[in-house]
Amino acid sequence: MMRKMIRGAAALATAAAAVVALSGSADARPADDWAGCPSGSVCIYPQDQNPAVKPTHIFTSYGAHNLSNQYGRHWVLNNQYGGATASLCTGYNGTGCGYRIDQGKGVYADLGPINSITLNRP
């Protein structure tokens, strides 16, 4: 009886570990580079590149960054740290900002209506 209980507990622990491993956040990433996006950066990937592998745009400074000729769906990953966010904006120079991307998060967004991206201090 004791062996069955130990085996049952071991099986339960193994199953629980598997569930935790499989249910991890889709945003989980290493502390440094993430899908080719350097730590401290916000990156945009080529249209329809899924999963994100190699960025075409890497932004490292706070403030607004104008975009051009970006159409269709792109991954935008915020690999900044310290609580810094990024925003997708419909106007140039960081105007009309809407969707906020938190640190360590990414969005697969249609960049057709997006004309700039801002990197925001925490």
N, C-alpha and C. Protein backbone atom coordinates (compact mmCIF):
# COMPACT_ATOMS: atom_id res chain seq x y z
N MET A 1 0.83 -1.19 0.00
CA MET A 1 0.00 0.00 0.00
C MET A 1 0.87 1.26 0.00
N MET A 2 1.93 1.25 0.80
CA MET A 2 2.81 2.42 0.88
C MET A 2 3.49 2.67 -0.46
N ARG A 3 3.90 1.59 -1.17
CA ARG A 3 4.54 1.75 -2.48
C ARG A 3 3.59 2.39 -3.47
N LYS A 4 2.34 1.97 -3.45
CA LYS A 4 1.35 2.55 -4.36
C LYS A 4 1.17 4.03 -4.08
N MET A 5 1.16 4.41 -2.81
CA MET A 5 1.01 5.82 -2.46
C MET A 5 2.22 6.62 -2.94
N ILE A 6 3.43 6.06 -2.76
CA ILE A 6 4.64 6.76 -3.18
C ILE A 6 4.65 6.89 -4.70
N ARG A 7 4.31 5.79 -5.41
CA ARG A 7 4.26 5.85 -6.88
C ARG A 7 3.20 6.85 -7.34
N GLY A 8 2.06 6.85 -6.67
CA GLY A 8 1.00 7.79 -7.02
C GLY A 8 1.43 9.23 -6.81
N ALA A 9 2.12 9.49 -5.69
CA ALA A 9 2.61 10.84 -5.41
C ALA A 9 3.66 11.26 -6.43
N ALA A 10 4.54 10.31 -6.80
CA ALA A 10 5.57 10.61 -7.80
C ALA A 10 4.92 10.91 -9.15
N ALA A 11 3.92 10.12 -9.52
CA ALA A 11 3.24 10.35 -10.80
C ALA A 11 2.53 11.70 -10.79
N LEU A 12 1.90 12.03 -9.65
CA LEU A 12 1.23 13.31 -9.54
C LEU A 12 2.22 14.47 -9.64
N ALA A 13 3.37 14.34 -9.00
CA ALA A 13 4.39 15.39 -9.06
C ALA A 13 4.92 15.54 -10.47
N THR A 14 5.14 14.43 -11.16
CA THR A 14 5.61 14.48 -12.54
C THR A 14 4.57 15.14 -13.43
N ALA A 15 3.31 14.78 -13.27
CA ALA A 15 2.24 15.38 -14.07
C ALA A 15 2.12 16.87 -13.79
N ALA A 16 2.23 17.24 -12.53
CA ALA A 16 2.14 18.66 -12.18
C ALA A 16 3.30 19.44 -12.79
N ALA A 17 4.50 18.86 -12.77
CA ALA A 17 5.65 19.53 -13.37
C ALA A 17 5.45 19.70 -14.88
N ALA A 18 4.88 18.69 -15.52
CA ALA A 18 4.63 18.77 -16.96
C ALA A 18 3.61 19.85 -17.27
N VAL A 19 2.57 19.94 -16.45
CA VAL A 19 1.55 20.97 -16.67
C VAL A 19 2.16 22.35 -16.52
N VAL A 20 2.99 22.55 -15.50
CA VAL A 20 3.64 23.85 -15.29
C VAL A 20 4.54 24.17 -16.47
N ALA A 21 5.30 23.18 -16.95
CA ALA A 21 6.20 23.41 -18.08
C ALA A 21 5.42 23.76 -19.33
N LEU A 22 4.31 23.09 -19.57
CA LEU A 22 3.54 23.32 -20.78
C LEU A 22 2.66 24.56 -20.70
N SER A 23 2.34 25.01 -19.51
CA SER A 23 1.45 26.16 -19.39
C SER A 23 2.21 27.45 -19.16
N GLY A 24 3.52 27.42 -19.32
CA GLY A 24 4.31 28.64 -19.15
C GLY A 24 3.83 29.72 -20.09
N SER A 25 4.08 30.93 -19.75
CA SER A 25 3.65 32.07 -20.54
C SER A 25 4.24 32.00 -21.94
N ALA A 26 3.46 32.40 -22.92
CA ALA A 26 3.95 32.47 -24.29
C ALA A 26 5.01 33.56 -24.40
N ASP A 27 5.12 34.37 -23.38
CA ASP A 27 6.07 35.46 -23.40
C ASP A 27 7.38 35.10 -22.70
N ALA A 28 7.48 33.86 -22.22
CA ALA A 28 8.69 33.46 -21.52
C ALA A 28 9.86 33.54 -22.48
N ARG A 29 10.99 34.01 -21.98
CA ARG A 29 12.16 34.18 -22.82
C ARG A 29 13.40 34.26 -21.95
N PRO A 30 14.57 34.08 -22.54
CA PRO A 30 15.79 34.24 -21.77
C PRO A 30 15.98 35.69 -21.36
N ALA A 31 16.84 35.92 -20.40
CA ALA A 31 17.07 37.27 -19.89
C ALA A 31 17.80 38.15 -20.91
N ASP A 32 18.43 37.56 -21.90
CA ASP A 32 19.20 38.34 -22.86
C ASP A 32 18.44 38.44 -24.18
N ASP A 33 19.08 38.01 -25.26
CA ASP A 33 18.43 38.08 -26.57
C ASP A 33 17.16 37.24 -26.59
N TRP A 34 16.19 37.69 -27.38
CA TRP A 34 14.92 36.97 -27.52
C TRP A 34 14.57 36.99 -28.99
N ALA A 35 14.59 35.85 -29.63
CA ALA A 35 14.28 35.71 -31.06
C ALA A 35 15.13 36.68 -31.90
N GLY A 36 16.39 36.83 -31.53
CA GLY A 36 17.28 37.72 -32.26
C GLY A 36 17.17 39.19 -31.88
N CYS A 37 16.29 39.50 -30.93
CA CYS A 37 16.11 40.88 -30.46
C CYS A 37 17.00 41.11 -29.24
N PRO A 38 17.99 42.01 -29.35
CA PRO A 38 18.90 42.22 -28.23
C PRO A 38 18.19 42.74 -26.97
N SER A 39 18.73 42.38 -25.84
CA SER A 39 18.21 42.86 -24.57
C SER A 39 18.22 44.38 -24.57
N GLY A 40 17.13 45.00 -24.11
CA GLY A 40 17.02 46.45 -24.07
C GLY A 40 16.41 47.04 -25.32
N SER A 41 15.98 46.21 -26.26
CA SER A 41 15.48 46.69 -27.56
C SER A 41 14.02 46.34 -27.78
N VAL A 42 13.43 47.01 -28.77
CA VAL A 42 12.13 46.64 -29.33
C VAL A 42 12.40 46.30 -30.78
N CYS A 43 11.88 45.17 -31.23
CA CYS A 43 12.19 44.70 -32.58
C CYS A 43 10.92 44.43 -33.39
N ILE A 44 11.03 44.71 -34.68
CA ILE A 44 9.98 44.39 -35.64
C ILE A 44 10.56 43.36 -36.61
N TYR A 45 9.75 42.37 -36.93
CA TYR A 45 10.17 41.27 -37.78
C TYR A 45 9.50 41.37 -39.15
N PRO A 46 10.04 40.68 -40.17
CA PRO A 46 9.45 40.76 -41.50
C PRO A 46 7.98 40.32 -41.50
N GLN A 47 7.25 40.83 -42.48
CA GLN A 47 5.83 40.48 -42.63
C GLN A 47 5.68 38.98 -42.70
N ASP A 48 4.71 38.49 -41.91
CA ASP A 48 4.33 37.07 -41.88
C ASP A 48 5.45 36.12 -41.44
N GLN A 49 6.52 36.62 -40.84
CA GLN A 49 7.54 35.72 -40.29
C GLN A 49 7.02 35.21 -38.96
N ASN A 50 6.61 33.96 -38.95
CA ASN A 50 6.01 33.39 -37.75
C ASN A 50 6.48 31.95 -37.61
N PRO A 51 7.32 31.67 -36.62
CA PRO A 51 7.66 32.51 -35.48
C PRO A 51 8.71 33.56 -35.84
N ALA A 52 8.81 34.53 -34.95
CA ALA A 52 9.80 35.60 -35.12
C ALA A 52 11.19 35.00 -34.98
N VAL A 53 12.05 35.27 -35.95
CA VAL A 53 13.40 34.71 -35.92
C VAL A 53 14.47 35.80 -36.04
N LYS A 54 14.36 36.63 -37.08
CA LYS A 54 15.40 37.63 -37.34
C LYS A 54 14.73 38.98 -37.60
N PRO A 55 14.94 39.97 -36.72
CA PRO A 55 14.27 41.27 -36.89
C PRO A 55 14.82 42.07 -38.07
N THR A 56 13.94 42.88 -38.65
CA THR A 56 14.36 43.83 -39.69
C THR A 56 14.60 45.21 -39.09
N HIS A 57 13.97 45.50 -37.95
CA HIS A 57 14.12 46.79 -37.28
C HIS A 57 14.44 46.53 -35.81
N ILE A 58 15.46 47.21 -35.31
CA ILE A 58 15.83 47.12 -33.90
C ILE A 58 15.92 48.54 -33.36
N PHE A 59 15.09 48.84 -32.36
CA PHE A 59 15.07 50.17 -31.76
C PHE A 59 15.61 50.07 -30.34
N THR A 60 16.52 50.99 -30.00
CA THR A 60 17.16 50.92 -28.68
C THR A 60 17.02 52.19 -27.86
N SER A 61 16.56 53.26 -28.46
CA SER A 61 16.47 54.53 -27.72
C SER A 61 15.02 54.89 -27.42
N TYR A 62 14.81 55.49 -26.26
CA TYR A 62 13.47 55.93 -25.88
C TYR A 62 12.99 57.01 -26.84
N GLY A 63 11.68 57.11 -26.98
CA GLY A 63 11.09 58.12 -27.84
C GLY A 63 10.41 57.50 -29.04
N ALA A 64 10.05 58.36 -30.00
CA ALA A 64 9.30 57.93 -31.18
C ALA A 64 10.24 57.54 -32.31
N HIS A 65 9.84 56.52 -33.05
CA HIS A 65 10.57 56.04 -34.22
C HIS A 65 9.55 55.88 -35.33
N ASN A 66 9.71 56.65 -36.41
CA ASN A 66 8.78 56.59 -37.53
C ASN A 66 9.02 55.33 -38.36
N LEU A 67 7.94 54.78 -38.88
CA LEU A 67 7.98 53.59 -39.72
C LEU A 67 7.54 53.96 -41.12
N SER A 68 8.01 53.21 -42.10
CA SER A 68 7.53 53.39 -43.46
C SER A 68 7.54 52.05 -44.17
N ASN A 69 6.63 51.89 -45.10
CA ASN A 69 6.52 50.67 -45.90
C ASN A 69 6.36 49.40 -45.08
N GLN A 70 5.61 49.49 -44.00
CA GLN A 70 5.32 48.32 -43.18
C GLN A 70 3.84 47.97 -43.35
N TYR A 71 3.57 46.88 -44.02
CA TYR A 71 2.20 46.45 -44.29
C TYR A 71 2.02 45.03 -43.81
N GLY A 72 0.81 44.66 -43.54
CA GLY A 72 0.52 43.29 -43.12
C GLY A 72 0.92 43.03 -41.68
N ARG A 73 0.87 41.76 -41.32
CA ARG A 73 1.11 41.37 -39.93
C ARG A 73 2.60 41.12 -39.68
N HIS A 74 3.05 41.71 -38.57
CA HIS A 74 4.45 41.59 -38.15
C HIS A 74 4.48 41.29 -36.65
N TRP A 75 5.48 40.54 -36.22
CA TRP A 75 5.73 40.44 -34.79
C TRP A 75 6.47 41.70 -34.35
N VAL A 76 6.04 42.23 -33.21
CA VAL A 76 6.73 43.34 -32.55
C VAL A 76 7.00 42.85 -31.13
N LEU A 77 8.28 42.72 -30.78
CA LEU A 77 8.66 42.20 -29.47
C LEU A 77 9.32 43.30 -28.64
N ASN A 78 8.89 43.41 -27.39
CA ASN A 78 9.47 44.37 -26.45
C ASN A 78 10.43 43.62 -25.54
N ASN A 79 11.71 43.70 -25.85
CA ASN A 79 12.74 43.04 -25.05
C ASN A 79 13.49 44.05 -24.18
N GLN A 80 12.78 45.11 -23.78
CA GLN A 80 13.35 46.08 -22.87
C GLN A 80 13.30 45.52 -21.45
N TYR A 81 13.86 46.24 -20.51
CA TYR A 81 13.87 45.80 -19.11
C TYR A 81 13.52 46.97 -18.21
N GLY A 82 13.38 46.70 -16.94
CA GLY A 82 13.10 47.74 -15.97
C GLY A 82 11.68 48.29 -16.04
N GLY A 83 10.78 47.57 -16.71
CA GLY A 83 9.40 48.01 -16.80
C GLY A 83 9.10 48.92 -17.98
N ALA A 84 10.06 49.10 -18.90
CA ALA A 84 9.84 49.96 -20.06
C ALA A 84 8.80 49.33 -20.99
N THR A 85 7.97 50.17 -21.61
CA THR A 85 6.93 49.71 -22.52
C THR A 85 7.20 50.27 -23.92
N ALA A 86 6.42 49.79 -24.86
CA ALA A 86 6.44 50.31 -26.23
C ALA A 86 4.99 50.53 -26.64
N SER A 87 4.76 51.45 -27.57
CA SER A 87 3.40 51.71 -28.06
C SER A 87 3.40 51.78 -29.57
N LEU A 88 2.34 51.24 -30.16
CA LEU A 88 2.12 51.35 -31.60
C LEU A 88 1.24 52.58 -31.83
N CYS A 89 1.65 53.44 -32.76
CA CYS A 89 0.98 54.72 -32.97
C CYS A 89 0.55 54.88 -34.43
N THR A 90 -0.63 55.44 -34.63
CA THR A 90 -1.13 55.64 -35.98
C THR A 90 -0.54 56.88 -36.64
N GLY A 91 -0.07 57.83 -35.86
CA GLY A 91 0.53 59.04 -36.41
C GLY A 91 2.04 58.96 -36.39
N TYR A 92 2.66 59.86 -37.15
CA TYR A 92 4.11 59.96 -37.11
C TYR A 92 4.55 60.65 -35.83
N ASN A 93 5.81 60.45 -35.47
CA ASN A 93 6.43 61.09 -34.31
C ASN A 93 5.73 60.76 -32.99
N GLY A 94 5.15 59.56 -32.91
CA GLY A 94 4.57 59.10 -31.66
C GLY A 94 3.23 59.70 -31.31
N THR A 95 2.43 60.10 -32.30
CA THR A 95 1.09 60.61 -32.02
C THR A 95 0.06 59.53 -32.31
N GLY A 96 -1.07 59.62 -31.65
CA GLY A 96 -2.13 58.65 -31.85
C GLY A 96 -1.77 57.26 -31.35
N CYS A 97 -1.04 57.22 -30.25
CA CYS A 97 -0.60 55.93 -29.71
C CYS A 97 -1.75 55.20 -29.04
N GLY A 98 -1.79 53.95 -29.27
CA GLY A 98 -2.85 53.13 -28.69
C GLY A 98 -2.28 51.96 -27.93
N TYR A 99 -2.17 50.84 -28.57
CA TYR A 99 -1.81 49.59 -27.91
C TYR A 99 -0.44 49.68 -27.25
N ARG A 100 -0.39 49.36 -25.98
CA ARG A 100 0.87 49.35 -25.22
C ARG A 100 1.39 47.92 -25.13
N ILE A 101 2.67 47.76 -25.38
CA ILE A 101 3.32 46.45 -25.28
C ILE A 101 4.21 46.48 -24.04
N ASP A 102 3.86 45.67 -23.06
CA ASP A 102 4.64 45.63 -21.83
C ASP A 102 5.97 44.93 -22.05
N GLN A 103 6.89 45.17 -21.13
CA GLN A 103 8.20 44.52 -21.15
C GLN A 103 8.02 43.01 -21.22
N GLY A 104 8.79 42.36 -22.07
CA GLY A 104 8.75 40.91 -22.18
C GLY A 104 7.56 40.36 -22.94
N LYS A 105 6.83 41.23 -23.62
CA LYS A 105 5.65 40.80 -24.37
C LYS A 105 5.85 41.07 -25.86
N GLY A 106 5.04 40.41 -26.65
CA GLY A 106 5.07 40.63 -28.08
C GLY A 106 3.66 40.65 -28.64
N VAL A 107 3.48 41.30 -29.78
CA VAL A 107 2.19 41.31 -30.46
C VAL A 107 2.42 40.98 -31.93
N TYR A 108 1.44 40.32 -32.52
CA TYR A 108 1.45 40.03 -33.95
C TYR A 108 0.41 40.97 -34.54
N ALA A 109 0.87 42.11 -35.04
CA ALA A 109 -0.02 43.21 -35.38
C ALA A 109 0.05 43.57 -36.86
N ASP A 110 -1.08 44.08 -37.36
CA ASP A 110 -1.13 44.65 -38.70
C ASP A 110 -0.51 46.04 -38.62
N LEU A 111 0.63 46.22 -39.27
CA LEU A 111 1.33 47.50 -39.18
C LEU A 111 0.91 48.46 -40.29
N GLY A 112 -0.03 48.09 -41.13
CA GLY A 112 -0.52 48.98 -42.18
C GLY A 112 -0.93 50.34 -41.64
N PRO A 113 -1.76 50.40 -40.60
CA PRO A 113 -2.19 51.70 -40.08
C PRO A 113 -1.20 52.31 -39.07
N ILE A 114 -0.10 51.63 -38.80
CA ILE A 114 0.87 52.10 -37.80
C ILE A 114 1.98 52.89 -38.49
N ASN A 115 2.19 54.13 -38.04
CA ASN A 115 3.21 54.98 -38.65
C ASN A 115 4.40 55.27 -37.74
N SER A 116 4.29 54.91 -36.48
CA SER A 116 5.43 55.06 -35.59
C SER A 116 5.29 54.13 -34.40
N ILE A 117 6.40 53.95 -33.72
CA ILE A 117 6.43 53.15 -32.49
C ILE A 117 7.19 53.97 -31.47
N THR A 118 6.74 53.93 -30.23
CA THR A 118 7.48 54.65 -29.18
C THR A 118 8.04 53.65 -28.18
N LEU A 119 9.22 53.95 -27.68
CA LEU A 119 9.81 53.23 -26.58
C LEU A 119 9.67 54.16 -25.38
N ASN A 120 8.97 53.68 -24.37
CA ASN A 120 8.58 54.52 -23.24
C ASN A 120 9.36 54.17 -21.98
N ARG A 121 9.87 55.19 -21.33
CA ARG A 121 10.58 54.99 -20.06
C ARG A 121 9.61 54.45 -19.03
N PRO A 122 10.12 53.65 -18.10
CA PRO A 122 9.26 53.14 -17.02
C PRO A 122 8.78 54.25 -16.10
